[in-house]
Amino acid sequence: MLFDTLIIGGGAAGLSCALVLGSGLSKPFADGKKVAIITHQKTSHLQNALFNNVLGLTPGTLGKDLLSDGKLQLANLYPDVIQIDNEKVEEITETEFDFKVTTNKTTYTTKRVVIAVGYTNLLNIKGLENYIKPHPKAALEKDRIWLENTDHLIKNNLYVAGTLAGWRSQFAIASGSGAHVATDILTLWNNGKHTKIHDKH
């Protein structure tokens, strides 16, 4: 199966990106688009998070609950977004027309990739080495990294979202970054017409 978009990472940025893309799949301009997310969450900073200062979240919400609830929300609302569990991405290679994303179990082919994993220096996905730089908005002693990009775009059809895009480690910022990337992709689908999806009564 050839995906249009494959999201790597099931944290705040990745799930937000998947939800917004999922909400656009019913639109005529998205006809035939296939979207998937590799929902690897073990290294997400949300695993140990507690939220009191996020608009719309009940104070005391735990990050680990958000991770599991987010996957359920995506599955229930937008089942057309394929969730790939229990796989870890090992390499991304670019071909003339698309990308090959190799995990510990298989290889996927996709037109575009959104990288939405954490910003630790433990990032070990082959093929990204040339884009890794010290994080511009993290304390030096934390040894954080980013993938150099302009407005979330590393290069044509290769996006990065969340803290790895150079943003600070706040849930609302990472979520917004993922949604930002999704609206950029929706705009591409819609022949360059600026596009966003609002849920209405």
N, C-alpha and C. Protein backbone atom coordinates (compact mmCIF):
# COMPACT_ATOMS: atom_id res chain seq x y z
N MET A 1 0.84 -1.19 0.00
CA MET A 1 0.00 0.00 0.00
C MET A 1 0.88 1.25 0.00
N LEU A 2 0.53 2.20 -0.86
CA LEU A 2 1.24 3.46 -0.91
C LEU A 2 0.46 4.48 -0.08
N PHE A 3 1.10 5.01 0.96
CA PHE A 3 0.46 6.05 1.76
C PHE A 3 0.71 7.42 1.12
N ASP A 4 -0.24 8.31 1.33
CA ASP A 4 0.01 9.70 0.98
C ASP A 4 0.88 10.33 2.06
N THR A 5 0.49 10.11 3.33
CA THR A 5 1.22 10.69 4.46
C THR A 5 1.40 9.65 5.54
N LEU A 6 2.62 9.53 6.04
CA LEU A 6 2.92 8.63 7.16
C LEU A 6 3.50 9.48 8.28
N ILE A 7 2.83 9.46 9.43
CA ILE A 7 3.26 10.21 10.61
C ILE A 7 4.04 9.27 11.51
N ILE A 8 5.20 9.72 11.96
CA ILE A 8 6.03 8.90 12.84
C ILE A 8 5.99 9.50 14.24
N GLY A 9 5.40 8.79 15.18
CA GLY A 9 5.35 9.25 16.56
C GLY A 9 3.93 9.47 17.03
N GLY A 10 3.59 8.88 18.20
CA GLY A 10 2.23 8.95 18.72
C GLY A 10 2.09 9.84 19.94
N GLY A 11 2.93 10.88 20.05
CA GLY A 11 2.80 11.84 21.14
C GLY A 11 1.86 12.97 20.77
N ALA A 12 2.00 14.10 21.45
CA ALA A 12 1.07 15.22 21.26
C ALA A 12 1.07 15.71 19.81
N ALA A 13 2.25 15.92 19.23
CA ALA A 13 2.33 16.45 17.86
C ALA A 13 1.81 15.45 16.84
N GLY A 14 2.24 14.19 16.96
CA GLY A 14 1.83 13.18 16.00
C GLY A 14 0.34 12.91 16.02
N LEU A 15 -0.23 12.76 17.21
CA LEU A 15 -1.66 12.49 17.31
C LEU A 15 -2.48 13.68 16.86
N SER A 16 -2.04 14.90 17.19
CA SER A 16 -2.76 16.09 16.75
C SER A 16 -2.76 16.19 15.23
N CYS A 17 -1.62 15.92 14.63
CA CYS A 17 -1.51 15.92 13.18
C CYS A 17 -2.46 14.90 12.57
N ALA A 18 -2.48 13.70 13.15
CA ALA A 18 -3.34 12.62 12.64
C ALA A 18 -4.82 12.97 12.76
N LEU A 19 -5.20 13.60 13.88
CA LEU A 19 -6.60 13.96 14.09
C LEU A 19 -7.07 14.99 13.06
N VAL A 20 -6.24 16.01 12.81
CA VAL A 20 -6.64 17.04 11.85
C VAL A 20 -6.67 16.47 10.43
N LEU A 21 -5.68 15.66 10.07
CA LEU A 21 -5.71 15.02 8.75
C LEU A 21 -6.91 14.10 8.63
N GLY A 22 -7.17 13.34 9.71
CA GLY A 22 -8.32 12.44 9.70
C GLY A 22 -9.62 13.18 9.47
N SER A 23 -9.74 14.36 10.06
CA SER A 23 -10.97 15.14 9.91
C SER A 23 -11.13 15.66 8.49
N GLY A 24 -10.04 15.70 7.74
CA GLY A 24 -10.12 16.17 6.36
C GLY A 24 -10.30 15.08 5.32
N LEU A 25 -10.21 13.82 5.74
CA LEU A 25 -10.27 12.72 4.76
C LEU A 25 -11.62 12.59 4.07
N SER A 26 -12.68 13.14 4.69
CA SER A 26 -14.01 13.04 4.08
C SER A 26 -14.25 14.12 3.02
N LYS A 27 -13.34 15.06 2.91
CA LYS A 27 -13.50 16.15 1.94
C LYS A 27 -13.21 15.65 0.52
N PRO A 28 -13.89 16.23 -0.47
CA PRO A 28 -13.66 15.78 -1.85
C PRO A 28 -12.19 15.86 -2.28
N PHE A 29 -11.46 16.88 -1.82
CA PHE A 29 -10.07 17.03 -2.25
C PHE A 29 -9.16 15.97 -1.66
N ALA A 30 -9.66 15.22 -0.66
CA ALA A 30 -8.85 14.16 -0.04
C ALA A 30 -9.21 12.77 -0.56
N ASP A 31 -10.01 12.72 -1.60
CA ASP A 31 -10.46 11.43 -2.12
C ASP A 31 -9.26 10.55 -2.48
N GLY A 32 -9.25 9.34 -1.92
CA GLY A 32 -8.21 8.37 -2.22
C GLY A 32 -6.94 8.53 -1.42
N LYS A 33 -6.87 9.57 -0.55
CA LYS A 33 -5.66 9.77 0.26
C LYS A 33 -5.61 8.74 1.37
N LYS A 34 -4.45 8.17 1.57
CA LYS A 34 -4.26 7.19 2.64
C LYS A 34 -3.28 7.76 3.65
N VAL A 35 -3.70 7.79 4.92
CA VAL A 35 -2.89 8.35 6.00
C VAL A 35 -2.67 7.28 7.05
N ALA A 36 -1.46 7.22 7.58
CA ALA A 36 -1.14 6.27 8.65
C ALA A 36 -0.27 6.96 9.69
N ILE A 37 -0.30 6.43 10.91
CA ILE A 37 0.55 6.94 11.98
C ILE A 37 1.20 5.74 12.69
N ILE A 38 2.49 5.81 12.84
CA ILE A 38 3.21 4.81 13.64
C ILE A 38 3.19 5.34 15.07
N THR A 39 2.40 4.71 15.92
CA THR A 39 2.06 5.28 17.22
C THR A 39 3.04 4.89 18.32
N HIS A 40 4.31 4.94 18.00
CA HIS A 40 5.32 4.63 19.02
C HIS A 40 5.28 5.70 20.10
N GLN A 41 5.12 5.29 21.38
CA GLN A 41 4.93 6.25 22.47
C GLN A 41 5.90 6.05 23.64
N LYS A 42 6.71 5.04 23.58
CA LYS A 42 7.54 4.71 24.75
C LYS A 42 8.45 5.84 25.17
N THR A 43 8.95 6.62 24.21
CA THR A 43 9.89 7.69 24.54
C THR A 43 9.21 9.05 24.67
N SER A 44 7.88 9.09 24.55
CA SER A 44 7.18 10.37 24.65
C SER A 44 7.33 10.97 26.05
N HIS A 45 7.58 12.29 26.10
CA HIS A 45 7.67 12.96 27.38
C HIS A 45 6.32 13.00 28.09
N LEU A 46 5.26 12.69 27.37
CA LEU A 46 3.94 12.65 28.02
C LEU A 46 3.80 11.49 29.00
N GLN A 47 4.65 10.48 28.86
CA GLN A 47 4.54 9.32 29.75
C GLN A 47 4.59 9.72 31.22
N ASN A 48 5.35 10.77 31.54
CA ASN A 48 5.51 11.18 32.94
C ASN A 48 4.90 12.54 33.24
N ALA A 49 4.04 13.03 32.34
CA ALA A 49 3.53 14.40 32.48
C ALA A 49 2.26 14.46 33.34
N LEU A 50 2.09 15.60 33.99
CA LEU A 50 0.89 15.95 34.75
C LEU A 50 0.45 17.32 34.26
N PHE A 51 -0.84 17.48 33.94
CA PHE A 51 -1.31 18.74 33.35
C PHE A 51 -2.30 19.46 34.25
N ASN A 52 -1.93 20.69 34.61
CA ASN A 52 -2.84 21.58 35.32
C ASN A 52 -3.07 22.88 34.54
N ASN A 53 -2.19 23.19 33.59
CA ASN A 53 -2.21 24.51 32.95
C ASN A 53 -2.55 24.46 31.47
N VAL A 54 -3.31 23.43 31.02
CA VAL A 54 -3.65 23.31 29.61
C VAL A 54 -5.14 23.56 29.43
N LEU A 55 -5.47 24.52 28.57
CA LEU A 55 -6.86 24.86 28.30
C LEU A 55 -7.63 23.63 27.82
N GLY A 56 -8.75 23.35 28.47
CA GLY A 56 -9.62 22.26 28.05
C GLY A 56 -9.33 20.92 28.70
N LEU A 57 -8.20 20.80 29.38
CA LEU A 57 -7.89 19.55 30.07
C LEU A 57 -8.22 19.70 31.55
N THR A 58 -8.87 18.70 32.11
CA THR A 58 -9.17 18.71 33.54
C THR A 58 -7.86 18.73 34.32
N PRO A 59 -7.71 19.69 35.27
CA PRO A 59 -6.49 19.71 36.07
C PRO A 59 -6.24 18.34 36.71
N GLY A 60 -4.98 17.91 36.68
CA GLY A 60 -4.63 16.60 37.21
C GLY A 60 -4.57 15.52 36.15
N THR A 61 -4.90 15.88 34.89
CA THR A 61 -4.83 14.91 33.80
C THR A 61 -3.40 14.40 33.64
N LEU A 62 -3.26 13.10 33.48
CA LEU A 62 -1.94 12.48 33.32
C LEU A 62 -1.62 12.30 31.84
N GLY A 63 -0.37 12.55 31.50
CA GLY A 63 0.07 12.41 30.13
C GLY A 63 -0.11 11.01 29.58
N LYS A 64 0.15 10.00 30.41
CA LYS A 64 0.03 8.62 29.93
C LYS A 64 -1.42 8.29 29.56
N ASP A 65 -2.38 8.92 30.27
CA ASP A 65 -3.79 8.73 29.93
C ASP A 65 -4.14 9.44 28.61
N LEU A 66 -3.54 10.62 28.41
CA LEU A 66 -3.76 11.35 27.15
C LEU A 66 -3.27 10.54 25.96
N LEU A 67 -2.15 9.87 26.12
CA LEU A 67 -1.60 9.06 25.04
C LEU A 67 -2.57 7.95 24.63
N SER A 68 -3.07 7.22 25.61
CA SER A 68 -3.99 6.12 25.29
C SER A 68 -5.34 6.66 24.82
N ASP A 69 -5.83 7.73 25.46
CA ASP A 69 -7.11 8.32 25.06
C ASP A 69 -7.03 8.90 23.65
N GLY A 70 -5.86 9.48 23.31
CA GLY A 70 -5.69 10.06 21.98
C GLY A 70 -5.78 9.02 20.88
N LYS A 71 -5.19 7.86 21.12
CA LYS A 71 -5.27 6.78 20.13
C LYS A 71 -6.71 6.30 19.96
N LEU A 72 -7.44 6.23 21.09
CA LEU A 72 -8.86 5.84 21.02
C LEU A 72 -9.68 6.88 20.29
N GLN A 73 -9.44 8.16 20.59
CA GLN A 73 -10.15 9.24 19.92
C GLN A 73 -9.94 9.16 18.41
N LEU A 74 -8.71 8.95 18.00
CA LEU A 74 -8.40 8.84 16.58
C LEU A 74 -9.11 7.64 15.95
N ALA A 75 -9.07 6.51 16.65
CA ALA A 75 -9.70 5.29 16.12
C ALA A 75 -11.22 5.44 16.02
N ASN A 76 -11.83 6.07 17.01
CA ASN A 76 -13.29 6.19 17.04
C ASN A 76 -13.80 7.22 16.05
N LEU A 77 -13.10 8.37 15.95
CA LEU A 77 -13.57 9.45 15.09
C LEU A 77 -13.14 9.28 13.64
N TYR A 78 -11.91 8.84 13.44
CA TYR A 78 -11.34 8.79 12.10
C TYR A 78 -10.66 7.44 11.85
N PRO A 79 -11.48 6.38 11.77
CA PRO A 79 -10.90 5.04 11.62
C PRO A 79 -10.16 4.84 10.30
N ASP A 80 -10.34 5.75 9.34
CA ASP A 80 -9.62 5.63 8.08
C ASP A 80 -8.13 5.92 8.24
N VAL A 81 -7.75 6.60 9.33
CA VAL A 81 -6.33 6.80 9.61
C VAL A 81 -5.79 5.49 10.20
N ILE A 82 -4.88 4.87 9.51
CA ILE A 82 -4.36 3.57 9.93
C ILE A 82 -3.36 3.76 11.06
N GLN A 83 -3.61 3.08 12.18
CA GLN A 83 -2.68 3.13 13.31
C GLN A 83 -1.80 1.89 13.28
N ILE A 84 -0.50 2.14 13.27
CA ILE A 84 0.48 1.05 13.24
C ILE A 84 1.13 0.99 14.62
N ASP A 85 0.82 -0.06 15.35
CA ASP A 85 1.31 -0.20 16.73
C ASP A 85 2.51 -1.13 16.78
N ASN A 86 3.25 -1.01 17.87
CA ASN A 86 4.33 -1.94 18.20
C ASN A 86 5.41 -2.04 17.11
N GLU A 87 5.65 -0.91 16.45
CA GLU A 87 6.76 -0.86 15.50
C GLU A 87 7.58 0.39 15.77
N LYS A 88 8.87 0.29 15.55
CA LYS A 88 9.78 1.41 15.75
C LYS A 88 10.51 1.69 14.45
N VAL A 89 10.52 2.96 14.05
CA VAL A 89 11.17 3.33 12.79
C VAL A 89 12.69 3.29 12.95
N GLU A 90 13.34 2.65 11.99
CA GLU A 90 14.79 2.53 12.01
C GLU A 90 15.47 3.36 10.93
N GLU A 91 14.78 3.57 9.80
CA GLU A 91 15.44 4.28 8.70
C GLU A 91 14.41 4.92 7.78
N ILE A 92 14.76 6.10 7.26
CA ILE A 92 13.97 6.77 6.23
C ILE A 92 14.88 6.99 5.04
N THR A 93 14.47 6.50 3.88
CA THR A 93 15.26 6.72 2.67
C THR A 93 14.38 7.37 1.62
N GLU A 94 14.97 8.28 0.87
CA GLU A 94 14.23 9.00 -0.17
C GLU A 94 14.54 8.37 -1.52
N THR A 95 13.48 8.12 -2.29
CA THR A 95 13.66 7.66 -3.67
C THR A 95 13.28 8.82 -4.60
N GLU A 96 13.25 8.56 -5.87
CA GLU A 96 12.95 9.63 -6.83
C GLU A 96 11.54 10.17 -6.64
N PHE A 97 10.61 9.29 -6.24
CA PHE A 97 9.21 9.70 -6.19
C PHE A 97 8.58 9.68 -4.81
N ASP A 98 9.23 9.03 -3.82
CA ASP A 98 8.58 8.86 -2.53
C ASP A 98 9.63 8.56 -1.45
N PHE A 99 9.15 8.13 -0.30
CA PHE A 99 10.02 7.76 0.81
C PHE A 99 9.76 6.31 1.20
N LYS A 100 10.80 5.63 1.61
CA LYS A 100 10.69 4.30 2.21
C LYS A 100 10.95 4.45 3.70
N VAL A 101 10.02 4.01 4.51
CA VAL A 101 10.15 4.07 5.96
C VAL A 101 10.27 2.64 6.47
N THR A 102 11.44 2.32 7.00
CA THR A 102 11.72 0.96 7.46
C THR A 102 11.60 0.90 8.97
N THR A 103 10.80 -0.04 9.45
CA THR A 103 10.66 -0.26 10.88
C THR A 103 11.36 -1.56 11.27
N ASN A 104 11.25 -1.92 12.54
CA ASN A 104 11.83 -3.17 12.99
C ASN A 104 11.07 -4.38 12.44
N LYS A 105 9.96 -4.15 11.71
CA LYS A 105 9.16 -5.27 11.21
C LYS A 105 8.96 -5.27 9.71
N THR A 106 8.91 -4.07 9.08
CA THR A 106 8.59 -4.03 7.66
C THR A 106 9.02 -2.69 7.07
N THR A 107 8.71 -2.48 5.78
CA THR A 107 9.00 -1.22 5.11
C THR A 107 7.72 -0.68 4.48
N TYR A 108 7.48 0.62 4.68
CA TYR A 108 6.31 1.30 4.12
C TYR A 108 6.76 2.30 3.06
N THR A 109 5.91 2.52 2.07
CA THR A 109 6.16 3.51 1.04
C THR A 109 5.14 4.63 1.20
N THR A 110 5.63 5.88 1.18
CA THR A 110 4.75 7.01 1.41
C THR A 110 5.21 8.22 0.60
N LYS A 111 4.26 9.03 0.18
CA LYS A 111 4.58 10.23 -0.59
C LYS A 111 5.22 11.29 0.29
N ARG A 112 4.73 11.38 1.55
CA ARG A 112 5.32 12.37 2.47
C ARG A 112 5.41 11.78 3.87
N VAL A 113 6.30 12.36 4.66
CA VAL A 113 6.57 11.88 6.01
C VAL A 113 6.47 13.06 6.98
N VAL A 114 5.85 12.81 8.14
CA VAL A 114 5.85 13.78 9.24
C VAL A 114 6.57 13.12 10.41
N ILE A 115 7.70 13.70 10.82
CA ILE A 115 8.46 13.15 11.95
C ILE A 115 8.03 13.89 13.20
N ALA A 116 7.45 13.17 14.14
CA ALA A 116 6.89 13.80 15.33
C ALA A 116 7.31 13.04 16.59
N VAL A 117 8.57 12.67 16.64
CA VAL A 117 9.11 12.01 17.83
C VAL A 117 9.76 13.06 18.72
N GLY A 118 10.21 12.66 19.90
CA GLY A 118 10.76 13.60 20.87
C GLY A 118 12.09 14.21 20.44
N TYR A 119 12.56 15.15 21.25
CA TYR A 119 13.74 15.92 20.85
C TYR A 119 15.00 15.55 21.64
N THR A 120 15.05 14.31 22.09
CA THR A 120 16.26 13.88 22.81
C THR A 120 17.34 13.48 21.81
N ASN A 121 18.58 13.47 22.30
CA ASN A 121 19.69 13.08 21.43
C ASN A 121 19.74 11.57 21.22
N LEU A 122 18.72 10.87 21.70
CA LEU A 122 18.63 9.42 21.47
C LEU A 122 18.02 9.10 20.11
N LEU A 123 17.62 10.13 19.38
CA LEU A 123 17.05 9.91 18.05
C LEU A 123 18.02 9.10 17.21
N ASN A 124 17.57 7.95 16.74
CA ASN A 124 18.49 7.09 15.98
C ASN A 124 17.84 6.55 14.71
N ILE A 125 17.05 7.40 14.05
CA ILE A 125 16.48 7.02 12.77
C ILE A 125 17.49 7.36 11.68
N LYS A 126 17.98 6.34 11.00
CA LYS A 126 18.96 6.56 9.93
C LYS A 126 18.31 7.37 8.80
N GLY A 127 19.11 8.22 8.19
CA GLY A 127 18.62 9.05 7.10
C GLY A 127 18.33 10.48 7.51
N LEU A 128 18.35 10.75 8.83
CA LEU A 128 18.08 12.10 9.32
C LEU A 128 19.32 12.82 9.82
N GLU A 129 20.45 12.15 9.77
CA GLU A 129 21.67 12.66 10.39
C GLU A 129 22.03 14.08 9.92
N ASN A 130 21.84 14.35 8.65
CA ASN A 130 22.27 15.64 8.09
C ASN A 130 21.44 16.82 8.59
N TYR A 131 20.28 16.54 9.20
CA TYR A 131 19.39 17.62 9.62
C TYR A 131 19.46 17.89 11.13
N ILE A 132 20.20 17.07 11.87
CA ILE A 132 20.22 17.20 13.33
C ILE A 132 21.13 18.34 13.75
N LYS A 133 20.57 19.23 14.58
CA LYS A 133 21.33 20.36 15.12
C LYS A 133 20.96 20.52 16.61
N PRO A 134 21.77 21.25 17.40
CA PRO A 134 21.39 21.51 18.79
C PRO A 134 20.09 22.30 18.85
N HIS A 135 19.24 21.95 19.79
CA HIS A 135 17.92 22.58 19.90
C HIS A 135 18.06 24.06 20.26
N PRO A 136 17.38 24.96 19.51
CA PRO A 136 17.55 26.39 19.75
C PRO A 136 16.79 26.93 20.96
N LYS A 137 15.87 26.13 21.52
CA LYS A 137 15.02 26.64 22.61
C LYS A 137 15.01 25.70 23.81
N ALA A 138 16.13 25.05 24.05
CA ALA A 138 16.27 24.17 25.21
C ALA A 138 17.60 24.47 25.89
N ALA A 139 17.65 24.22 27.20
CA ALA A 139 18.89 24.46 27.94
C ALA A 139 20.01 23.57 27.40
N LEU A 140 21.19 24.16 27.25
CA LEU A 140 22.31 23.43 26.66
C LEU A 140 22.61 22.13 27.40
N GLU A 141 22.52 22.17 28.73
CA GLU A 141 22.88 20.98 29.51
C GLU A 141 21.92 19.82 29.29
N LYS A 142 20.75 20.10 28.73
CA LYS A 142 19.80 19.02 28.47
C LYS A 142 20.14 18.25 27.20
N ASP A 143 21.03 18.82 26.37
CA ASP A 143 21.52 18.11 25.18
C ASP A 143 20.38 17.72 24.25
N ARG A 144 19.46 18.64 24.03
CA ARG A 144 18.32 18.37 23.13
C ARG A 144 18.70 18.72 21.69
N ILE A 145 17.95 18.15 20.75
CA ILE A 145 18.22 18.37 19.33
C ILE A 145 16.96 18.84 18.61
N TRP A 146 17.16 19.37 17.40
CA TRP A 146 16.03 19.60 16.50
C TRP A 146 16.45 19.16 15.11
N LEU A 147 15.45 18.99 14.24
CA LEU A 147 15.73 18.74 12.83
C LEU A 147 15.54 20.07 12.12
N GLU A 148 16.63 20.58 11.56
CA GLU A 148 16.60 21.90 10.96
C GLU A 148 15.50 21.98 9.90
N ASN A 149 14.68 23.01 9.99
CA ASN A 149 13.53 23.13 9.10
C ASN A 149 13.16 24.59 8.93
N THR A 150 12.35 24.85 7.94
CA THR A 150 11.74 26.16 7.75
C THR A 150 10.23 25.98 7.77
N ASP A 151 9.58 26.53 8.80
CA ASP A 151 8.13 26.42 8.95
C ASP A 151 7.69 24.95 8.88
N HIS A 152 8.40 24.10 9.62
CA HIS A 152 8.12 22.67 9.76
C HIS A 152 8.57 21.81 8.58
N LEU A 153 9.04 22.44 7.52
CA LEU A 153 9.43 21.68 6.33
C LEU A 153 10.95 21.51 6.31
N ILE A 154 11.41 20.26 6.37
CA ILE A 154 12.84 19.95 6.29
C ILE A 154 13.29 20.02 4.84
N LYS A 155 12.53 19.37 4.00
CA LYS A 155 12.72 19.41 2.55
C LYS A 155 11.40 19.00 1.94
N ASN A 156 11.29 19.02 0.65
CA ASN A 156 10.02 18.74 0.00
C ASN A 156 9.42 17.41 0.48
N ASN A 157 8.21 17.50 1.03
CA ASN A 157 7.43 16.34 1.50
C ASN A 157 8.00 15.66 2.74
N LEU A 158 8.96 16.29 3.40
CA LEU A 158 9.50 15.77 4.65
C LEU A 158 9.32 16.84 5.73
N TYR A 159 8.40 16.56 6.66
CA TYR A 159 8.03 17.51 7.70
C TYR A 159 8.51 17.04 9.06
N VAL A 160 8.62 18.00 9.98
CA VAL A 160 8.88 17.68 11.38
C VAL A 160 7.91 18.49 12.22
N ALA A 161 7.41 17.89 13.30
CA ALA A 161 6.43 18.57 14.15
C ALA A 161 6.78 18.37 15.62
N GLY A 162 6.37 19.34 16.45
CA GLY A 162 6.56 19.23 17.89
C GLY A 162 7.92 19.74 18.33
N THR A 163 8.40 19.23 19.45
CA THR A 163 9.66 19.71 20.01
C THR A 163 10.83 19.48 19.06
N LEU A 164 10.77 18.43 18.28
CA LEU A 164 11.86 18.14 17.34
C LEU A 164 11.91 19.16 16.20
N ALA A 165 10.84 19.94 16.04
CA ALA A 165 10.81 21.01 15.03
C ALA A 165 11.44 22.29 15.55
N GLY A 166 11.88 22.28 16.83
CA GLY A 166 12.53 23.45 17.41
C GLY A 166 11.68 24.21 18.40
N TRP A 167 10.50 23.65 18.74
CA TRP A 167 9.60 24.31 19.68
C TRP A 167 9.88 23.89 21.11
N ARG A 168 9.45 24.73 22.04
CA ARG A 168 9.63 24.41 23.46
C ARG A 168 8.72 23.25 23.85
N SER A 169 9.13 22.59 24.92
CA SER A 169 8.42 21.40 25.36
C SER A 169 7.22 21.76 26.23
N GLN A 170 6.17 22.22 25.57
CA GLN A 170 4.87 22.46 26.20
C GLN A 170 3.83 21.70 25.40
N PHE A 171 2.91 21.04 26.10
CA PHE A 171 1.91 20.22 25.42
C PHE A 171 1.14 21.01 24.36
N ALA A 172 0.67 22.21 24.73
CA ALA A 172 -0.13 22.99 23.80
C ALA A 172 0.67 23.40 22.56
N ILE A 173 1.95 23.67 22.74
CA ILE A 173 2.80 24.06 21.62
C ILE A 173 3.02 22.87 20.69
N ALA A 174 3.33 21.71 21.27
CA ALA A 174 3.55 20.51 20.44
C ALA A 174 2.28 20.13 19.68
N SER A 175 1.13 20.20 20.37
CA SER A 175 -0.14 19.88 19.71
C SER A 175 -0.40 20.83 18.55
N GLY A 176 -0.19 22.12 18.81
CA GLY A 176 -0.40 23.11 17.77
C GLY A 176 0.52 22.93 16.59
N SER A 177 1.76 22.54 16.86
CA SER A 177 2.71 22.28 15.80
C SER A 177 2.24 21.13 14.90
N GLY A 178 1.74 20.07 15.50
CA GLY A 178 1.21 18.95 14.72
C GLY A 178 0.01 19.35 13.88
N ALA A 179 -0.88 20.17 14.46
CA ALA A 179 -2.04 20.66 13.72
C ALA A 179 -1.61 21.57 12.57
N HIS A 180 -0.58 22.38 12.83
CA HIS A 180 -0.04 23.28 11.79
C HIS A 180 0.42 22.47 10.58
N VAL A 181 1.20 21.43 10.83
CA VAL A 181 1.68 20.60 9.73
C VAL A 181 0.50 19.96 8.98
N ALA A 182 -0.50 19.51 9.73
CA ALA A 182 -1.66 18.89 9.09
C ALA A 182 -2.37 19.87 8.15
N THR A 183 -2.52 21.13 8.58
CA THR A 183 -3.20 22.09 7.70
C THR A 183 -2.34 22.43 6.48
N ASP A 184 -1.02 22.38 6.63
CA ASP A 184 -0.16 22.55 5.46
C ASP A 184 -0.38 21.42 4.46
N ILE A 185 -0.54 20.20 4.96
CA ILE A 185 -0.77 19.05 4.08
C ILE A 185 -2.17 19.12 3.46
N LEU A 186 -3.17 19.51 4.25
CA LEU A 186 -4.52 19.69 3.70
C LEU A 186 -4.50 20.73 2.58
N THR A 187 -3.72 21.78 2.77
CA THR A 187 -3.61 22.83 1.74
C THR A 187 -2.99 22.26 0.47
N LEU A 188 -1.99 21.40 0.61
CA LEU A 188 -1.41 20.73 -0.56
C LEU A 188 -2.45 19.88 -1.27
N TRP A 189 -3.20 19.11 -0.48
CA TRP A 189 -4.26 18.27 -1.06
C TRP A 189 -5.27 19.11 -1.83
N ASN A 190 -5.52 20.32 -1.32
CA ASN A 190 -6.54 21.20 -1.89
C ASN A 190 -5.95 22.15 -2.92
N ASN A 191 -4.93 21.67 -3.63
CA ASN A 191 -4.32 22.41 -4.74
C ASN A 191 -3.82 23.78 -4.34
N GLY A 192 -3.27 23.88 -3.11
CA GLY A 192 -2.66 25.13 -2.68
C GLY A 192 -3.63 26.14 -2.09
N LYS A 193 -4.91 25.81 -2.03
CA LYS A 193 -5.89 26.71 -1.41
C LYS A 193 -5.80 26.54 0.11
N HIS A 194 -5.53 27.60 0.83
CA HIS A 194 -5.33 27.51 2.28
C HIS A 194 -6.53 26.84 2.93
N THR A 195 -6.26 25.77 3.69
CA THR A 195 -7.31 24.88 4.16
C THR A 195 -7.15 24.57 5.62
N LYS A 196 -8.27 24.61 6.33
CA LYS A 196 -8.33 24.15 7.72
C LYS A 196 -9.69 23.49 7.89
N ILE A 197 -9.82 22.67 8.90
CA ILE A 197 -11.06 21.95 9.13
C ILE A 197 -11.63 22.37 10.48
N HIS A 198 -12.86 22.89 10.48
CA HIS A 198 -13.55 23.22 11.72
C HIS A 198 -14.74 22.29 11.89
N ASP A 199 -14.91 21.74 13.07
CA ASP A 199 -16.09 20.94 13.36
C ASP A 199 -17.21 21.89 13.77
N LYS A 200 -18.38 21.74 13.13
CA LYS A 200 -19.52 22.61 13.41
C LYS A 200 -20.75 21.77 13.69
N HIS A 201 -21.69 22.39 14.42
CA HIS A 201 -22.98 21.72 14.68
C HIS A 201 -23.76 21.59 13.40
